[in-house]
Amino acid sequence: MLSRVVKGVVAAAVLSTLLVAVPVSASTRVYVRVGPPAPVVEVRPVTPGPRYAWVDGYHRWNGRAYVWVPGRWAIPPRARSAWVPGHWAHTSRGYYFVDGHWRR
């Protein structure tokens, strides 16, 4: 009986170690065969305050078509941070989206 419990604990420890060691979606890319449309030209609304920075809109793939995600005002995480817009990159497998991020 005790041996069965020990085996179960060891199996659970090994399984949890494997799950932690393998990133689930950190490197998962969704490839799209058709390139994105041209970016939408947006009219920026008035800034809500002096600390805000504009985050550009982008086309998102919803599994069937490209959908426009509008730009927005956001407060940078650190002083003097700049927004680096996301973009679609192309390889022989198709197009994939590279997320935007804050750069110091």
PDB file of N, CA and C in Angstrom:
ATOM      1  N   MET A   1       0.823  -1.199   0.000  1.00  0.00           N
ATOM      2  CA  MET A   1       0.000   0.000   0.000  1.00  0.00           C
ATOM      3  C   MET A   1       0.861   1.254   0.000  1.00  0.00           C
ATOM      4  N   LEU A   2       1.873   1.295   0.885  1.00  0.00           N
ATOM      5  CA  LEU A   2       2.766   2.443   0.968  1.00  0.00           C
ATOM      6  C   LEU A   2       3.554   2.601  -0.331  1.00  0.00           C
ATOM      7  N   SER A   3       3.940   1.473  -0.939  1.00  0.00           N
ATOM      8  CA  SER A   3       4.681   1.509  -2.199  1.00  0.00           C
ATOM      9  C   SER A   3       3.852   2.170  -3.302  1.00  0.00           C
ATOM     10  N   ARG A   4       2.571   1.908  -3.322  1.00  0.00           N
ATOM     11  CA  ARG A   4       1.679   2.487  -4.335  1.00  0.00           C
ATOM     12  C   ARG A   4       1.580   4.008  -4.151  1.00  0.00           C
ATOM     13  N   VAL A   5       1.526   4.465  -2.902  1.00  0.00           N
ATOM     14  CA  VAL A   5       1.456   5.890  -2.610  1.00  0.00           C
ATOM     15  C   VAL A   5       2.750   6.578  -3.043  1.00  0.00           C
ATOM     16  N   VAL A   6       3.896   5.963  -2.722  1.00  0.00           N
ATOM     17  CA  VAL A   6       5.195   6.535  -3.087  1.00  0.00           C
ATOM     18  C   VAL A   6       5.318   6.628  -4.614  1.00  0.00           C
ATOM     19  N   LYS A   7       4.899   5.586  -5.310  1.00  0.00           N
ATOM     20  CA  LYS A   7       4.956   5.609  -6.778  1.00  0.00           C
ATOM     21  C   LYS A   7       4.080   6.726  -7.344  1.00  0.00           C
ATOM     22  N   GLY A   8       2.920   6.926  -6.735  1.00  0.00           N
ATOM     23  CA  GLY A   8       2.026   7.992  -7.187  1.00  0.00           C
ATOM     24  C   GLY A   8       2.630   9.371  -6.972  1.00  0.00           C
ATOM     25  N   VAL A   9       3.282   9.566  -5.821  1.00  0.00           N
ATOM     26  CA  VAL A   9       3.917  10.849  -5.528  1.00  0.00           C
ATOM     27  C   VAL A   9       5.069  11.105  -6.488  1.00  0.00           C
ATOM     28  N   VAL A  10       5.873  10.091  -6.734  1.00  0.00           N
ATOM     29  CA  VAL A  10       7.007  10.224  -7.658  1.00  0.00           C
ATOM     30  C   VAL A  10       6.501  10.517  -9.074  1.00  0.00           C
ATOM     31  N   ALA A  11       5.457   9.820  -9.507  1.00  0.00           N
ATOM     32  CA  ALA A  11       4.903  10.054 -10.844  1.00  0.00           C
ATOM     33  C   ALA A  11       4.368  11.480 -10.965  1.00  0.00           C
ATOM     34  N   ALA A  12       3.699  11.969  -9.936  1.00  0.00           N
ATOM     35  CA  ALA A  12       3.177  13.329  -9.959  1.00  0.00           C
ATOM     36  C   ALA A  12       4.311  14.348 -10.008  1.00  0.00           C
ATOM     37  N   ALA A  13       5.395  14.090  -9.265  1.00  0.00           N
ATOM     38  CA  ALA A  13       6.540  15.005  -9.267  1.00  0.00           C
ATOM     39  C   ALA A  13       7.201  15.052 -10.646  1.00  0.00           C
ATOM     40  N   VAL A  14       7.368  13.903 -11.270  1.00  0.00           N
ATOM     41  CA  VAL A  14       7.983  13.844 -12.600  1.00  0.00           C
ATOM     42  C   VAL A  14       7.103  14.558 -13.620  1.00  0.00           C
ATOM     43  N   LEU A  15       5.799  14.311 -13.571  1.00  0.00           N
ATOM     44  CA  LEU A  15       4.879  14.944 -14.502  1.00  0.00           C
ATOM     45  C   LEU A  15       4.870  16.464 -14.337  1.00  0.00           C
ATOM     46  N   SER A  16       4.840  16.938 -13.092  1.00  0.00           N
ATOM     47  CA  SER A  16       4.829  18.385 -12.884  1.00  0.00           C
ATOM     48  C   SER A  16       6.137  19.024 -13.343  1.00  0.00           C
ATOM     49  N   THR A  17       7.253  18.326 -13.187  1.00  0.00           N
ATOM     50  CA  THR A  17       8.541  18.835 -13.666  1.00  0.00           C
ATOM     51  C   THR A  17       8.538  18.956 -15.187  1.00  0.00           C
ATOM     52  N   LEU A  18       7.987  17.980 -15.871  1.00  0.00           N
ATOM     53  CA  LEU A  18       7.924  18.031 -17.328  1.00  0.00           C
ATOM     54  C   LEU A  18       7.025  19.156 -17.802  1.00  0.00           C
ATOM     55  N   LEU A  19       5.910  19.369 -17.122  1.00  0.00           N
ATOM     56  CA  LEU A  19       4.994  20.427 -17.525  1.00  0.00           C
ATOM     57  C   LEU A  19       5.602  21.805 -17.328  1.00  0.00           C
ATOM     58  N   VAL A  20       6.398  21.983 -16.286  1.00  0.00           N
ATOM     59  CA  VAL A  20       7.044  23.265 -16.034  1.00  0.00           C
ATOM     60  C   VAL A  20       8.183  23.485 -17.019  1.00  0.00           C
ATOM     61  N   ALA A  21       8.884  22.447 -17.410  1.00  0.00           N
ATOM     62  CA  ALA A  21      10.061  22.571 -18.267  1.00  0.00           C
ATOM     63  C   ALA A  21       9.709  22.891 -19.717  1.00  0.00           C
ATOM     64  N   VAL A  22       8.494  22.573 -20.163  1.00  0.00           N
ATOM     65  CA  VAL A  22       8.116  22.786 -21.554  1.00  0.00           C
ATOM     66  C   VAL A  22       7.141  23.955 -21.639  1.00  0.00           C
ATOM     67  N   PRO A  23       7.555  25.079 -22.255  1.00  0.00           N
ATOM     68  CA  PRO A  23       6.629  26.199 -22.390  1.00  0.00           C
ATOM     69  C   PRO A  23       5.488  25.832 -23.326  1.00  0.00           C
ATOM     70  N   VAL A  24       4.275  26.107 -22.924  1.00  0.00           N
ATOM     71  CA  VAL A  24       3.109  25.693 -23.685  1.00  0.00           C
ATOM     72  C   VAL A  24       2.915  26.544 -24.934  1.00  0.00           C
ATOM     73  N   SER A  25       2.828  27.863 -24.774  1.00  0.00           N
ATOM     74  CA  SER A  25       2.528  28.682 -25.940  1.00  0.00           C
ATOM     75  C   SER A  25       3.546  29.785 -26.181  1.00  0.00           C
ATOM     76  N   ALA A  26       4.649  29.758 -25.469  1.00  0.00           N
ATOM     77  CA  ALA A  26       5.629  30.826 -25.604  1.00  0.00           C
ATOM     78  C   ALA A  26       6.185  30.898 -27.027  1.00  0.00           C
ATOM     79  N   SER A  27       6.362  29.768 -27.686  1.00  0.00           N
ATOM     80  CA  SER A  27       6.942  29.792 -29.017  1.00  0.00           C
ATOM     81  C   SER A  27       5.972  29.298 -30.087  1.00  0.00           C
ATOM     82  N   THR A  28       4.711  29.164 -29.744  1.00  0.00           N
ATOM     83  CA  THR A  28       3.723  28.699 -30.709  1.00  0.00           C
ATOM     84  C   THR A  28       3.384  29.823 -31.678  1.00  0.00           C
ATOM     85  N   ARG A  29       3.537  29.549 -32.944  1.00  0.00           N
ATOM     86  CA  ARG A  29       3.201  30.520 -33.974  1.00  0.00           C
ATOM     87  C   ARG A  29       2.036  30.002 -34.789  1.00  0.00           C
ATOM     88  N   VAL A  30       1.150  30.898 -35.133  1.00  0.00           N
ATOM     89  CA  VAL A  30       0.061  30.579 -36.037  1.00  0.00           C
ATOM     90  C   VAL A  30       0.424  31.174 -37.385  1.00  0.00           C
ATOM     91  N   TYR A  31       0.540  30.326 -38.381  1.00  0.00           N
ATOM     92  CA  TYR A  31       0.901  30.783 -39.725  1.00  0.00           C
ATOM     93  C   TYR A  31      -0.359  30.955 -40.561  1.00  0.00           C
ATOM     94  N   VAL A  32      -0.380  32.029 -41.323  1.00  0.00           N
ATOM     95  CA  VAL A  32      -1.499  32.353 -42.199  1.00  0.00           C
ATOM     96  C   VAL A  32      -0.957  32.413 -43.618  1.00  0.00           C
ATOM     97  N   ARG A  33      -1.623  31.763 -44.555  1.00  0.00           N
ATOM     98  CA  ARG A  33      -1.118  31.723 -45.929  1.00  0.00           C
ATOM     99  C   ARG A  33      -1.274  33.053 -46.666  1.00  0.00           C
ATOM    100  N   VAL A  34      -2.304  33.806 -46.331  1.00  0.00           N
ATOM    101  CA  VAL A  34      -2.582  35.075 -47.001  1.00  0.00           C
ATOM    102  C   VAL A  34      -2.050  36.219 -46.149  1.00  0.00           C
ATOM    103  N   GLY A  35      -1.346  37.149 -46.777  1.00  0.00           N
ATOM    104  CA  GLY A  35      -0.793  38.286 -46.046  1.00  0.00           C
ATOM    105  C   GLY A  35      -1.886  39.218 -45.542  1.00  0.00           C
ATOM    106  N   PRO A  36      -1.566  40.006 -44.522  1.00  0.00           N
ATOM    107  CA  PRO A  36      -2.564  40.914 -43.953  1.00  0.00           C
ATOM    108  C   PRO A  36      -2.868  42.077 -44.894  1.00  0.00           C
ATOM    109  N   PRO A  37      -4.050  42.663 -44.749  1.00  0.00           N
ATOM    110  CA  PRO A  37      -4.352  43.861 -45.545  1.00  0.00           C
ATOM    111  C   PRO A  37      -3.519  45.045 -45.078  1.00  0.00           C
ATOM    112  N   ALA A  38      -3.604  46.127 -45.818  1.00  0.00           N
ATOM    113  CA  ALA A  38      -2.892  47.346 -45.426  1.00  0.00           C
ATOM    114  C   ALA A  38      -3.439  47.848 -44.096  1.00  0.00           C
ATOM    115  N   PRO A  39      -2.577  48.454 -43.269  1.00  0.00           N
ATOM    116  CA  PRO A  39      -3.058  48.980 -41.987  1.00  0.00           C
ATOM    117  C   PRO A  39      -4.153  50.031 -42.194  1.00  0.00           C
ATOM    118  N   VAL A  40      -5.053  50.085 -41.250  1.00  0.00           N
ATOM    119  CA  VAL A  40      -6.122  51.077 -41.277  1.00  0.00           C
ATOM    120  C   VAL A  40      -5.542  52.403 -40.773  1.00  0.00           C
ATOM    121  N   VAL A  41      -5.853  53.492 -41.473  1.00  0.00           N
ATOM    122  CA  VAL A  41      -5.400  54.809 -41.031  1.00  0.00           C
ATOM    123  C   VAL A  41      -6.398  55.273 -39.970  1.00  0.00           C
ATOM    124  N   GLU A  42      -5.905  55.441 -38.757  1.00  0.00           N
ATOM    125  CA  GLU A  42      -6.774  55.812 -37.645  1.00  0.00           C
ATOM    126  C   GLU A  42      -6.588  57.278 -37.268  1.00  0.00           C
ATOM    127  N   VAL A  43      -7.651  57.885 -36.830  1.00  0.00           N
ATOM    128  CA  VAL A  43      -7.585  59.229 -36.269  1.00  0.00           C
ATOM    129  C   VAL A  43      -7.433  59.042 -34.767  1.00  0.00           C
ATOM    130  N   ARG A  44      -6.325  59.525 -34.230  1.00  0.00           N
ATOM    131  CA  ARG A  44      -6.093  59.386 -32.793  1.00  0.00           C
ATOM    132  C   ARG A  44      -6.990  60.328 -32.015  1.00  0.00           C
ATOM    133  N   PRO A  45      -7.701  59.795 -31.034  1.00  0.00           N
ATOM    134  CA  PRO A  45      -8.467  60.707 -30.182  1.00  0.00           C
ATOM    135  C   PRO A  45      -7.505  61.514 -29.309  1.00  0.00           C
ATOM    136  N   VAL A  46      -8.015  62.540 -28.692  1.00  0.00           N
ATOM    137  CA  VAL A  46      -7.203  63.392 -27.828  1.00  0.00           C
ATOM    138  C   VAL A  46      -6.624  62.539 -26.699  1.00  0.00           C
ATOM    139  N   THR A  47      -5.359  62.753 -26.389  1.00  0.00           N
ATOM    140  CA  THR A  47      -4.703  61.988 -25.333  1.00  0.00           C
ATOM    141  C   THR A  47      -5.404  62.219 -23.987  1.00  0.00           C
ATOM    142  N   PRO A  48      -5.576  61.167 -23.208  1.00  0.00           N
ATOM    143  CA  PRO A  48      -6.231  61.328 -21.912  1.00  0.00           C
ATOM    144  C   PRO A  48      -5.340  62.008 -20.870  1.00  0.00           C
ATOM    145  N   GLY A  49      -4.048  62.122 -21.142  1.00  0.00           N
ATOM    146  CA  GLY A  49      -3.155  62.769 -20.192  1.00  0.00           C
ATOM    147  C   GLY A  49      -1.740  62.804 -20.711  1.00  0.00           C
ATOM    148  N   PRO A  50      -0.858  63.540 -20.050  1.00  0.00           N
ATOM    149  CA  PRO A  50       0.506  63.716 -20.542  1.00  0.00           C
ATOM    150  C   PRO A  50       1.375  62.458 -20.476  1.00  0.00           C
ATOM    151  N   ARG A  51       1.049  61.512 -19.638  1.00  0.00           N
ATOM    152  CA  ARG A  51       1.878  60.304 -19.501  1.00  0.00           C
ATOM    153  C   ARG A  51       1.541  59.219 -20.518  1.00  0.00           C
ATOM    154  N   TYR A  52       0.494  59.385 -21.288  1.00  0.00           N
ATOM    155  CA  TYR A  52       0.024  58.338 -22.191  1.00  0.00           C
ATOM    156  C   TYR A  52       0.829  58.296 -23.487  1.00  0.00           C
ATOM    157  N   ALA A  53       0.941  57.101 -24.056  1.00  0.00           N
ATOM    158  CA  ALA A  53       1.588  56.890 -25.358  1.00  0.00           C
ATOM    159  C   ALA A  53       0.596  56.135 -26.248  1.00  0.00           C
ATOM    160  N   TRP A  54       0.667  56.403 -27.534  1.00  0.00           N
ATOM    161  CA  TRP A  54      -0.231  55.753 -28.478  1.00  0.00           C
ATOM    162  C   TRP A  54       0.285  54.362 -28.832  1.00  0.00           C
ATOM    163  N   VAL A  55      -0.584  53.367 -28.743  1.00  0.00           N
ATOM    164  CA  VAL A  55      -0.284  51.989 -29.146  1.00  0.00           C
ATOM    165  C   VAL A  55      -1.045  51.752 -30.442  1.00  0.00           C
ATOM    166  N   ASP A  56      -0.307  51.545 -31.531  1.00  0.00           N
ATOM    167  CA  ASP A  56      -0.925  51.401 -32.852  1.00  0.00           C
ATOM    168  C   ASP A  56      -1.869  50.212 -32.924  1.00  0.00           C
ATOM    169  N   GLY A  57      -2.891  50.350 -33.785  1.00  0.00           N
ATOM    170  CA  GLY A  57      -3.782  49.238 -34.077  1.00  0.00           C
ATOM    171  C   GLY A  57      -3.082  48.234 -34.989  1.00  0.00           C
ATOM    172  N   TYR A  58      -3.678  47.076 -35.151  1.00  0.00           N
ATOM    173  CA  TYR A  58      -3.077  46.019 -35.969  1.00  0.00           C
ATOM    174  C   TYR A  58      -4.154  45.046 -36.445  1.00  0.00           C
ATOM    175  N   HIS A  59      -3.819  44.284 -37.476  1.00  0.00           N
ATOM    176  CA  HIS A  59      -4.713  43.227 -37.943  1.00  0.00           C
ATOM    177  C   HIS A  59      -4.402  41.943 -37.165  1.00  0.00           C
ATOM    178  N   ARG A  60      -5.444  41.355 -36.615  1.00  0.00           N
ATOM    179  CA  ARG A  60      -5.340  40.089 -35.879  1.00  0.00           C
ATOM    180  C   ARG A  60      -6.018  39.015 -36.716  1.00  0.00           C
ATOM    181  N   TRP A  61      -5.463  37.811 -36.709  1.00  0.00           N
ATOM    182  CA  TRP A  61      -6.069  36.678 -37.412  1.00  0.00           C
ATOM    183  C   TRP A  61      -7.002  35.976 -36.439  1.00  0.00           C
ATOM    184  N   ASN A  62      -8.278  35.809 -36.792  1.00  0.00           N
ATOM    185  CA  ASN A  62      -9.232  35.168 -35.887  1.00  0.00           C
ATOM    186  C   ASN A  62      -9.483  33.699 -36.218  1.00  0.00           C
ATOM    187  N   GLY A  63      -8.683  33.144 -37.109  1.00  0.00           N
ATOM    188  CA  GLY A  63      -8.847  31.747 -37.512  1.00  0.00           C
ATOM    189  C   GLY A  63      -9.494  31.611 -38.875  1.00  0.00           C
ATOM    190  N   ARG A  64     -10.182  32.675 -39.324  1.00  0.00           N
ATOM    191  CA  ARG A  64     -10.833  32.647 -40.637  1.00  0.00           C
ATOM    192  C   ARG A  64     -10.544  33.877 -41.472  1.00  0.00           C
ATOM    193  N   ALA A  65     -10.275  34.996 -40.787  1.00  0.00           N
ATOM    194  CA  ALA A  65     -10.064  36.260 -41.504  1.00  0.00           C
ATOM    195  C   ALA A  65      -9.285  37.215 -40.615  1.00  0.00           C
ATOM    196  N   TYR A  66      -8.766  38.273 -41.241  1.00  0.00           N
ATOM    197  CA  TYR A  66      -8.098  39.329 -40.485  1.00  0.00           C
ATOM    198  C   TYR A  66      -9.156  40.260 -39.897  1.00  0.00           C
ATOM    199  N   VAL A  67      -8.940  40.667 -38.664  1.00  0.00           N
ATOM    200  CA  VAL A  67      -9.842  41.585 -37.973  1.00  0.00           C
ATOM    201  C   VAL A  67      -8.993  42.734 -37.444  1.00  0.00           C
ATOM    202  N   TRP A  68      -9.454  43.970 -37.642  1.00  0.00           N
ATOM    203  CA  TRP A  68      -8.708  45.127 -37.177  1.00  0.00           C
ATOM    204  C   TRP A  68      -8.924  45.332 -35.678  1.00  0.00           C
ATOM    205  N   VAL A  69      -7.825  45.466 -34.942  1.00  0.00           N
ATOM    206  CA  VAL A  69      -7.857  45.812 -33.521  1.00  0.00           C
ATOM    207  C   VAL A  69      -7.438  47.273 -33.446  1.00  0.00           C
ATOM    208  N   PRO A  70      -8.337  48.163 -33.002  1.00  0.00           N
ATOM    209  CA  PRO A  70      -8.011  49.588 -33.023  1.00  0.00           C
ATOM    210  C   PRO A  70      -6.898  49.965 -32.059  1.00  0.00           C
ATOM    211  N   GLY A  71      -6.203  51.048 -32.386  1.00  0.00           N
ATOM    212  CA  GLY A  71      -5.166  51.576 -31.510  1.00  0.00           C
ATOM    213  C   GLY A  71      -5.781  52.126 -30.229  1.00  0.00           C
ATOM    214  N   ARG A  72      -4.910  52.410 -29.261  1.00  0.00           N
ATOM    215  CA  ARG A  72      -5.399  52.887 -27.964  1.00  0.00           C
ATOM    216  C   ARG A  72      -4.302  53.677 -27.263  1.00  0.00           C
ATOM    217  N   TRP A  73      -4.693  54.466 -26.294  1.00  0.00           N
ATOM    218  CA  TRP A  73      -3.744  55.162 -25.447  1.00  0.00           C
ATOM    219  C   TRP A  73      -3.414  54.252 -24.268  1.00  0.00           C
ATOM    220  N   ALA A  74      -2.140  54.212 -23.882  1.00  0.00           N
ATOM    221  CA  ALA A  74      -1.713  53.380 -22.747  1.00  0.00           C
ATOM    222  C   ALA A  74      -0.621  54.117 -21.975  1.00  0.00           C
ATOM    223  N   ILE A  75      -0.529  53.802 -20.697  1.00  0.00           N
ATOM    224  CA  ILE A  75       0.533  54.374 -19.871  1.00  0.00           C
ATOM    225  C   ILE A  75       1.734  53.434 -19.930  1.00  0.00           C
ATOM    226  N   PRO A  76       2.893  53.922 -20.359  1.00  0.00           N
ATOM    227  CA  PRO A  76       4.083  53.064 -20.424  1.00  0.00           C
ATOM    228  C   PRO A  76       4.452  52.523 -19.036  1.00  0.00           C
ATOM    229  N   PRO A  77       5.069  51.342 -18.999  1.00  0.00           N
ATOM    230  CA  PRO A  77       5.422  50.752 -17.704  1.00  0.00           C
ATOM    231  C   PRO A  77       6.556  51.485 -16.992  1.00  0.00           C
ATOM    232  N   ARG A  78       7.401  52.189 -17.751  1.00  0.00           N
ATOM    233  CA  ARG A  78       8.529  52.946 -17.180  1.00  0.00           C
ATOM    234  C   ARG A  78       8.629  54.290 -17.877  1.00  0.00           C
ATOM    235  N   ALA A  79       9.247  55.234 -17.201  1.00  0.00           N
ATOM    236  CA  ALA A  79       9.470  56.550 -17.806  1.00  0.00           C
ATOM    237  C   ALA A  79      10.342  56.386 -19.059  1.00  0.00           C
ATOM    238  N   ARG A  80      10.058  57.162 -20.069  1.00  0.00           N
ATOM    239  CA  ARG A  80      10.788  57.168 -21.347  1.00  0.00           C
ATOM    240  C   ARG A  80      10.707  55.847 -22.120  1.00  0.00           C
ATOM    241  N   SER A  81       9.739  54.999 -21.812  1.00  0.00           N
ATOM    242  CA  SER A  81       9.543  53.786 -22.609  1.00  0.00           C
ATOM    243  C   SER A  81       8.877  54.165 -23.928  1.00  0.00           C
ATOM    244  N   ALA A  82       9.178  53.411 -24.962  1.00  0.00           N
ATOM    245  CA  ALA A  82       8.575  53.645 -26.276  1.00  0.00           C
ATOM    246  C   ALA A  82       7.890  52.366 -26.739  1.00  0.00           C
ATOM    247  N   TRP A  83       6.760  52.506 -27.393  1.00  0.00           N
ATOM    248  CA  TRP A  83       6.032  51.357 -27.916  1.00  0.00           C
ATOM    249  C   TRP A  83       6.621  50.938 -29.253  1.00  0.00           C
ATOM    250  N   VAL A  84       6.989  49.677 -29.374  1.00  0.00           N
ATOM    251  CA  VAL A  84       7.450  49.096 -30.635  1.00  0.00           C
ATOM    252  C   VAL A  84       6.254  48.327 -31.196  1.00  0.00           C
ATOM    253  N   PRO A  85       5.691  48.768 -32.310  1.00  0.00           N
ATOM    254  CA  PRO A  85       4.464  48.142 -32.816  1.00  0.00           C
ATOM    255  C   PRO A  85       4.674  46.692 -33.241  1.00  0.00           C
ATOM    256  N   GLY A  86       3.625  45.909 -33.094  1.00  0.00           N
ATOM    257  CA  GLY A  86       3.640  44.542 -33.605  1.00  0.00           C
ATOM    258  C   GLY A  86       3.611  44.575 -35.131  1.00  0.00           C
ATOM    259  N   HIS A  87       3.998  43.479 -35.742  1.00  0.00           N
ATOM    260  CA  HIS A  87       3.994  43.425 -37.206  1.00  0.00           C
ATOM    261  C   HIS A  87       3.880  41.985 -37.679  1.00  0.00           C
ATOM    262  N   TRP A  88       3.486  41.826 -38.920  1.00  0.00           N
ATOM    263  CA  TRP A  88       3.402  40.511 -39.541  1.00  0.00           C
ATOM    264  C   TRP A  88       4.720  40.221 -40.247  1.00  0.00           C
ATOM    265  N   ALA A  89       5.312  39.083 -39.950  1.00  0.00           N
ATOM    266  CA  ALA A  89       6.549  38.641 -40.596  1.00  0.00           C
ATOM    267  C   ALA A  89       6.210  37.502 -41.556  1.00  0.00           C
ATOM    268  N   HIS A  90       7.049  37.307 -42.552  1.00  0.00           N
ATOM    269  CA  HIS A  90       6.786  36.286 -43.570  1.00  0.00           C
ATOM    270  C   HIS A  90       7.937  35.293 -43.651  1.00  0.00           C
ATOM    271  N   THR A  91       7.602  34.022 -43.706  1.00  0.00           N
ATOM    272  CA  THR A  91       8.568  32.948 -43.946  1.00  0.00           C
ATOM    273  C   THR A  91       7.999  32.042 -45.030  1.00  0.00           C
ATOM    274  N   SER A  92       8.704  30.992 -45.343  1.00  0.00           N
ATOM    275  CA  SER A  92       8.208  30.048 -46.352  1.00  0.00           C
ATOM    276  C   SER A  92       6.935  29.336 -45.884  1.00  0.00           C
ATOM    277  N   ARG A  93       6.672  29.324 -44.580  1.00  0.00           N
ATOM    278  CA  ARG A  93       5.461  28.675 -44.051  1.00  0.00           C
ATOM    279  C   ARG A  93       4.241  29.589 -44.084  1.00  0.00           C
ATOM    280  N   GLY A  94       4.468  30.892 -44.255  1.00  0.00           N
ATOM    281  CA  GLY A  94       3.360  31.835 -44.288  1.00  0.00           C
ATOM    282  C   GLY A  94       3.668  33.058 -43.438  1.00  0.00           C
ATOM    283  N   TYR A  95       2.626  33.772 -43.066  1.00  0.00           N
ATOM    284  CA  TYR A  95       2.748  34.978 -42.257  1.00  0.00           C
ATOM    285  C   TYR A  95       2.451  34.646 -40.797  1.00  0.00           C
ATOM    286  N   TYR A  96       3.186  35.276 -39.889  1.00  0.00           N
ATOM    287  CA  TYR A  96       2.912  35.124 -38.460  1.00  0.00           C
ATOM    288  C   TYR A  96       3.096  36.480 -37.787  1.00  0.00           C
ATOM    289  N   PHE A  97       2.380  36.677 -36.677  1.00  0.00           N
ATOM    290  CA  PHE A  97       2.385  37.972 -36.015  1.00  0.00           C
ATOM    291  C   PHE A  97       3.451  38.022 -34.928  1.00  0.00           C
ATOM    292  N   VAL A  98       4.205  39.114 -34.914  1.00  0.00           N
ATOM    293  CA  VAL A  98       5.200  39.386 -33.876  1.00  0.00           C
ATOM    294  C   VAL A  98       4.590  40.458 -32.973  1.00  0.00           C
ATOM    295  N   ASP A  99       4.362  40.135 -31.714  1.00  0.00           N
ATOM    296  CA  ASP A  99       3.695  41.055 -30.790  1.00  0.00           C
ATOM    297  C   ASP A  99       4.490  42.345 -30.595  1.00  0.00           C
ATOM    298  N   GLY A 100       3.757  43.418 -30.373  1.00  0.00           N
ATOM    299  CA  GLY A 100       4.372  44.693 -30.009  1.00  0.00           C
ATOM    300  C   GLY A 100       4.836  44.626 -28.546  1.00  0.00           C
ATOM    301  N   HIS A 101       5.735  45.540 -28.184  1.00  0.00           N
ATOM    302  CA  HIS A 101       6.254  45.538 -26.815  1.00  0.00           C
ATOM    303  C   HIS A 101       6.790  46.924 -26.451  1.00  0.00           C
ATOM    304  N   TRP A 102       6.983  47.124 -25.168  1.00  0.00           N
ATOM    305  CA  TRP A 102       7.559  48.377 -24.689  1.00  0.00           C
ATOM    306  C   TRP A 102       9.077  48.256 -24.670  1.00  0.00           C
ATOM    307  N   ARG A 103       9.753  49.256 -25.205  1.00  0.00           N
ATOM    308  CA  ARG A 103      11.224  49.302 -25.208  1.00  0.00           C
ATOM    309  C   ARG A 103      11.657  50.455 -24.320  1.00  0.00           C
ATOM    310  N   ARG A 104      12.670  50.211 -23.555  1.00  0.00           N
ATOM    311  CA  ARG A 104      13.181  51.237 -22.652  1.00  0.00           C
ATOM    312  C   ARG A 104      14.094  52.195 -23.365  1.00  0.00           C
TER     313      ARG A 104
END
